[in-house]
Amino acid sequence: MVEDRLTPAERFIAFVPPFPSLAVDGRRGRIYAAFHDARLGAADVWVWSLGPGAANWSEPVRVNDTSRDDATAQYLPKLAVAPDGRLDVVYYDRRDDRDNVRNEVSLQSSTDGGATFTPSLRLSSRPFDSRIGLGNERGLPDLGSRLGLVAGDDRALAVWTDTRAGTEASLKQDLARAIVAFPPDDPGRDLAADALRYGGVLLAVAGLALGLVAAQRRRRPTS
């Protein structure tokens, strides 16, 4: 068992519950698990790790760099491990909406086995409404159970459900992506200054019509 003290953040549809994310660093023999948990009041992203030969999982590490009493949700994390061992985490992030409704998407990374994480890097080019999706008539809009993430040594590709082209009436959702570059000459392997962010629609989901969001590329320095 990874964790027996999880605190639910909200109700969910019985047949499509949110799932934890798992990732394996095969070269170093370490396993990671991530989930969102409301033990501090609002949903936060937590990561557990199991080291080589260890009998028990580590205590959870809080990933999102919001204040502990922030009262906004960070949720549905997805993990990926790069060949060089860097652990990336991408998740939905409402820190900029005090009403706790509009999502952004953020990414953070760890180079020390999940003990600490870099400052958050925003991947989405603008906020989008978390209330748009199948199930919203019951107050349970579904954005899927997780995001998509692939990590390489020099970049990471993230994909998420984006609702900016939809309304609560249309329920339209699209998939959007972002690519983050990690400079090879950075000894700390910190997040790069450039995050290539695309609002381009990859595929319409839930049987709704395809749409196209204007592609955007924005520079965002990291601290």
Protein backbone atom coordinates (compact mmCIF):
# COMPACT_ATOMS: atom_id res chain seq x y z
CA MET A 1 0.00 0.00 0.00
CA VAL A 2 1.35 3.42 -0.97
CA GLU A 3 -0.83 5.62 1.24
CA ASP A 4 -3.67 4.87 3.66
CA ARG A 5 -4.36 8.49 4.67
CA LEU A 6 -5.70 9.95 1.42
CA THR A 7 -8.31 12.67 1.85
CA PRO A 8 -10.78 12.97 -1.06
CA ALA A 9 -10.90 16.40 -2.70
CA GLU A 10 -14.36 16.08 -4.29
CA ARG A 11 -17.02 13.69 -5.53
CA PHE A 12 -16.38 11.80 -8.75
CA ILE A 13 -18.34 9.72 -11.24
CA ALA A 14 -18.35 6.12 -10.04
CA PHE A 15 -17.18 4.49 -13.25
CA VAL A 16 -14.49 7.04 -14.12
CA PRO A 17 -12.67 7.78 -10.86
CA PRO A 18 -9.40 9.73 -10.89
CA PHE A 19 -6.41 7.41 -10.96
CA PRO A 20 -2.93 7.87 -9.48
CA SER A 21 0.00 8.19 -11.86
CA LEU A 22 2.93 5.77 -11.71
CA ALA A 23 6.41 6.10 -13.23
CA VAL A 24 9.49 3.88 -13.05
CA ASP A 25 13.14 4.91 -13.23
CA GLY A 26 14.40 1.60 -14.56
CA ARG A 27 18.07 2.56 -14.53
CA ARG A 28 18.05 3.50 -10.88
CA GLY A 29 15.40 1.11 -9.64
CA ARG A 30 13.09 3.78 -8.22
CA ILE A 31 9.29 3.83 -8.50
CA TYR A 32 7.14 6.97 -8.19
CA ALA A 33 3.44 7.44 -7.51
CA ALA A 34 1.47 10.71 -7.61
CA PHE A 35 -2.06 11.70 -6.68
CA HIS A 36 -3.99 14.72 -5.46
CA ASP A 37 -5.06 14.84 -1.83
CA ALA A 38 -7.04 17.34 0.29
CA ARG A 39 -5.33 16.78 3.63
CA LEU A 40 -4.51 20.52 3.78
CA GLY A 41 -8.02 21.60 2.80
CA ALA A 42 -7.85 21.95 -1.00
CA ALA A 43 -6.43 19.47 -3.47
CA ASP A 44 -2.62 19.39 -3.69
CA VAL A 45 -0.30 17.21 -5.77
CA TRP A 46 1.78 14.72 -3.76
CA VAL A 47 4.52 12.32 -4.85
CA TRP A 48 5.59 9.13 -3.11
CA SER A 49 8.75 7.18 -4.01
CA LEU A 50 10.03 3.66 -3.44
CA GLY A 51 13.81 3.39 -3.58
CA PRO A 52 15.82 0.37 -4.71
CA GLY A 53 15.44 -2.43 -2.19
CA ALA A 54 13.20 -0.35 0.09
CA ALA A 55 10.40 -2.13 1.93
CA ASN A 56 8.21 0.95 2.38
CA TRP A 57 7.20 3.97 0.35
CA SER A 58 8.53 7.36 1.36
CA GLU A 59 6.45 9.98 3.11
CA PRO A 60 4.65 12.09 0.47
CA VAL A 61 6.29 15.24 -0.90
CA ARG A 62 4.00 18.15 -1.80
CA VAL A 63 4.81 19.21 -5.36
CA ASN A 64 2.84 22.41 -6.07
CA ASP A 65 4.62 25.52 -4.79
CA THR A 66 1.51 27.31 -3.53
CA SER A 67 1.06 28.35 0.09
CA ARG A 68 -0.30 25.61 2.32
CA ASP A 69 -3.49 27.64 2.97
CA ASP A 70 -3.92 28.61 -0.70
CA ALA A 71 -7.42 27.05 -0.94
CA THR A 72 -7.14 26.44 -4.70
CA ALA A 73 -6.88 23.04 -6.36
CA GLN A 74 -3.86 21.46 -8.01
CA TYR A 75 -4.92 18.05 -9.24
CA LEU A 76 -4.77 15.07 -11.63
CA PRO A 77 -0.96 14.82 -11.78
CA LYS A 78 0.88 12.85 -14.45
CA LEU A 79 4.45 11.60 -13.95
CA ALA A 80 7.24 10.79 -16.41
CA VAL A 81 10.92 9.96 -15.89
CA ALA A 82 13.55 11.09 -18.42
CA PRO A 83 16.43 8.73 -19.31
CA ASP A 84 18.79 10.89 -17.21
CA GLY A 85 16.57 10.37 -14.14
CA ARG A 86 14.75 13.72 -14.10
CA LEU A 87 11.20 13.32 -12.76
CA ASP A 88 8.59 15.58 -14.39
CA VAL A 89 5.10 16.23 -13.01
CA VAL A 90 2.33 17.99 -14.94
CA TYR A 91 -1.05 18.87 -13.38
CA TYR A 92 -4.13 21.09 -13.56
CA ASP A 93 -3.58 24.27 -11.55
CA ARG A 94 -6.14 26.83 -10.30
CA ARG A 95 -3.80 28.98 -8.19
CA ASP A 96 -4.64 32.17 -10.10
CA ASP A 97 -8.42 31.86 -9.68
CA ARG A 98 -9.62 32.63 -6.18
CA ASP A 99 -13.02 31.16 -7.16
CA ASN A 100 -11.22 27.84 -7.77
CA VAL A 101 -12.89 27.23 -11.14
CA ARG A 102 -10.55 28.11 -14.00
CA ASN A 103 -7.68 25.76 -14.80
CA GLU A 104 -4.17 26.36 -16.03
CA VAL A 105 -1.63 23.57 -16.56
CA SER A 106 1.72 23.57 -14.75
CA LEU A 107 4.88 21.47 -14.81
CA GLN A 108 7.54 20.92 -12.14
CA SER A 109 10.62 18.70 -12.10
CA SER A 110 12.86 16.91 -9.61
CA THR A 111 16.47 15.88 -10.06
CA ASP A 112 16.95 14.39 -6.59
CA GLY A 113 14.60 11.43 -6.63
CA GLY A 114 11.44 13.36 -5.81
CA ALA A 115 12.78 15.03 -2.65
CA THR A 116 12.45 18.58 -4.01
CA PHE A 117 10.91 20.18 -7.10
CA THR A 118 11.67 23.16 -9.30
CA PRO A 119 9.36 26.21 -9.32
CA SER A 120 6.19 25.72 -11.33
CA LEU A 121 6.19 26.52 -15.03
CA ARG A 122 2.86 27.38 -16.64
CA LEU A 123 2.24 25.50 -19.87
CA SER A 124 -1.25 26.70 -20.86
CA SER A 125 -1.47 30.00 -22.71
CA ARG A 126 -4.69 31.06 -20.97
CA PRO A 127 -7.13 29.78 -18.30
CA PHE A 128 -10.01 27.50 -19.22
CA ASP A 129 -13.20 26.49 -17.42
CA SER A 130 -13.16 23.28 -15.36
CA ARG A 131 -16.99 23.11 -15.48
CA ILE A 132 -17.15 22.17 -19.17
CA GLY A 133 -17.48 18.46 -19.73
CA LEU A 134 -19.74 15.44 -19.61
CA GLY A 135 -21.31 15.14 -16.18
CA ASN A 136 -21.55 18.88 -15.50
CA GLU A 137 -25.33 18.59 -15.13
CA ARG A 138 -24.59 16.65 -11.93
CA GLY A 139 -21.82 18.98 -10.83
CA LEU A 140 -19.25 16.37 -11.86
CA PRO A 141 -17.68 17.58 -15.14
CA ASP A 142 -15.14 15.05 -16.40
CA LEU A 143 -11.74 16.18 -17.72
CA GLY A 144 -10.50 12.61 -17.88
CA SER A 145 -8.54 10.71 -15.26
CA ARG A 146 -5.08 12.12 -16.06
CA LEU A 147 -2.98 14.22 -18.38
CA GLY A 148 -0.38 12.96 -20.86
CA LEU A 149 3.39 13.40 -20.41
CA VAL A 150 6.51 12.10 -22.14
CA ALA A 151 9.96 13.06 -20.79
CA GLY A 152 13.28 13.12 -22.65
CA ASP A 153 16.66 14.39 -21.48
CA ASP A 154 16.32 17.66 -23.39
CA ARG A 155 12.56 18.21 -23.47
CA ALA A 156 9.17 17.10 -22.22
CA LEU A 157 5.84 16.93 -24.07
CA ALA A 158 2.61 17.45 -22.13
CA VAL A 159 -0.98 16.97 -23.38
CA TRP A 160 -4.16 17.94 -21.54
CA THR A 161 -7.93 18.38 -21.94
CA ASP A 162 -8.61 22.05 -22.76
CA THR A 163 -12.10 23.60 -22.74
CA ARG A 164 -11.46 27.15 -24.01
CA ALA A 165 -13.41 26.49 -27.23
CA GLY A 166 -16.41 25.05 -25.37
CA THR A 167 -19.31 26.18 -23.20
CA GLU A 168 -21.34 24.51 -20.48
CA ALA A 169 -24.03 23.97 -23.14
CA SER A 170 -21.77 22.52 -25.86
CA LEU A 171 -19.55 20.46 -23.49
CA LYS A 172 -16.81 20.81 -26.12
CA GLN A 173 -13.34 19.67 -25.05
CA ASP A 174 -10.13 19.56 -27.06
CA LEU A 175 -6.62 18.28 -26.48
CA ALA A 176 -3.81 20.83 -26.29
CA ARG A 177 -0.07 20.35 -25.94
CA ALA A 178 3.09 22.09 -24.80
CA ILE A 179 6.80 21.32 -25.19
CA VAL A 180 9.30 22.32 -22.51
CA ALA A 181 13.03 22.47 -23.32
CA PHE A 182 15.78 21.58 -20.83
CA PRO A 183 19.16 23.05 -21.85
CA PRO A 184 21.89 20.38 -21.87
CA ASP A 185 24.49 22.86 -20.58
CA ASP A 186 22.49 23.57 -17.41
CA PRO A 187 24.25 21.60 -14.63
CA GLY A 188 21.17 21.77 -12.43
CA ARG A 189 18.89 20.58 -15.25
CA ASP A 190 16.44 23.30 -14.19
CA LEU A 191 13.45 24.19 -16.33
CA ALA A 192 14.44 26.05 -19.44
CA ALA A 193 13.66 29.70 -20.04
CA ASP A 194 11.62 28.75 -23.10
CA ALA A 195 8.38 26.84 -22.86
CA LEU A 196 6.89 26.30 -26.32
CA ARG A 197 3.17 26.44 -25.72
CA TYR A 198 0.57 25.50 -28.26
CA GLY A 199 -3.15 26.10 -28.11
CA GLY A 200 -3.49 23.99 -31.25
CA VAL A 201 -6.21 21.40 -31.05
CA LEU A 202 -4.99 17.86 -31.56
CA LEU A 203 -8.25 15.99 -31.35
CA ALA A 204 -11.82 16.61 -30.20
CA VAL A 205 -12.95 14.29 -27.44
CA ALA A 206 -16.26 12.91 -26.19
CA GLY A 207 -17.60 12.65 -29.75
CA LEU A 208 -17.80 16.44 -30.20
CA ALA A 209 -16.79 18.36 -33.31
CA LEU A 210 -13.18 19.17 -34.05
CA GLY A 211 -12.11 22.74 -33.38
CA LEU A 212 -8.97 24.72 -33.82
CA VAL A 213 -7.44 27.06 -31.25
CA ALA A 214 -4.92 29.62 -32.49
CA ALA A 215 -1.38 28.35 -31.90
CA GLN A 216 0.63 30.44 -29.52
CA ARG A 217 4.24 30.54 -28.61
CA ARG A 218 5.19 32.49 -25.52
CA ARG A 219 8.47 32.93 -23.70
CA ARG A 220 8.29 32.52 -19.92
CA PRO A 221 11.42 32.81 -17.79
CA THR A 222 11.73 30.63 -14.77
CA SER A 223 13.26 31.59 -11.46
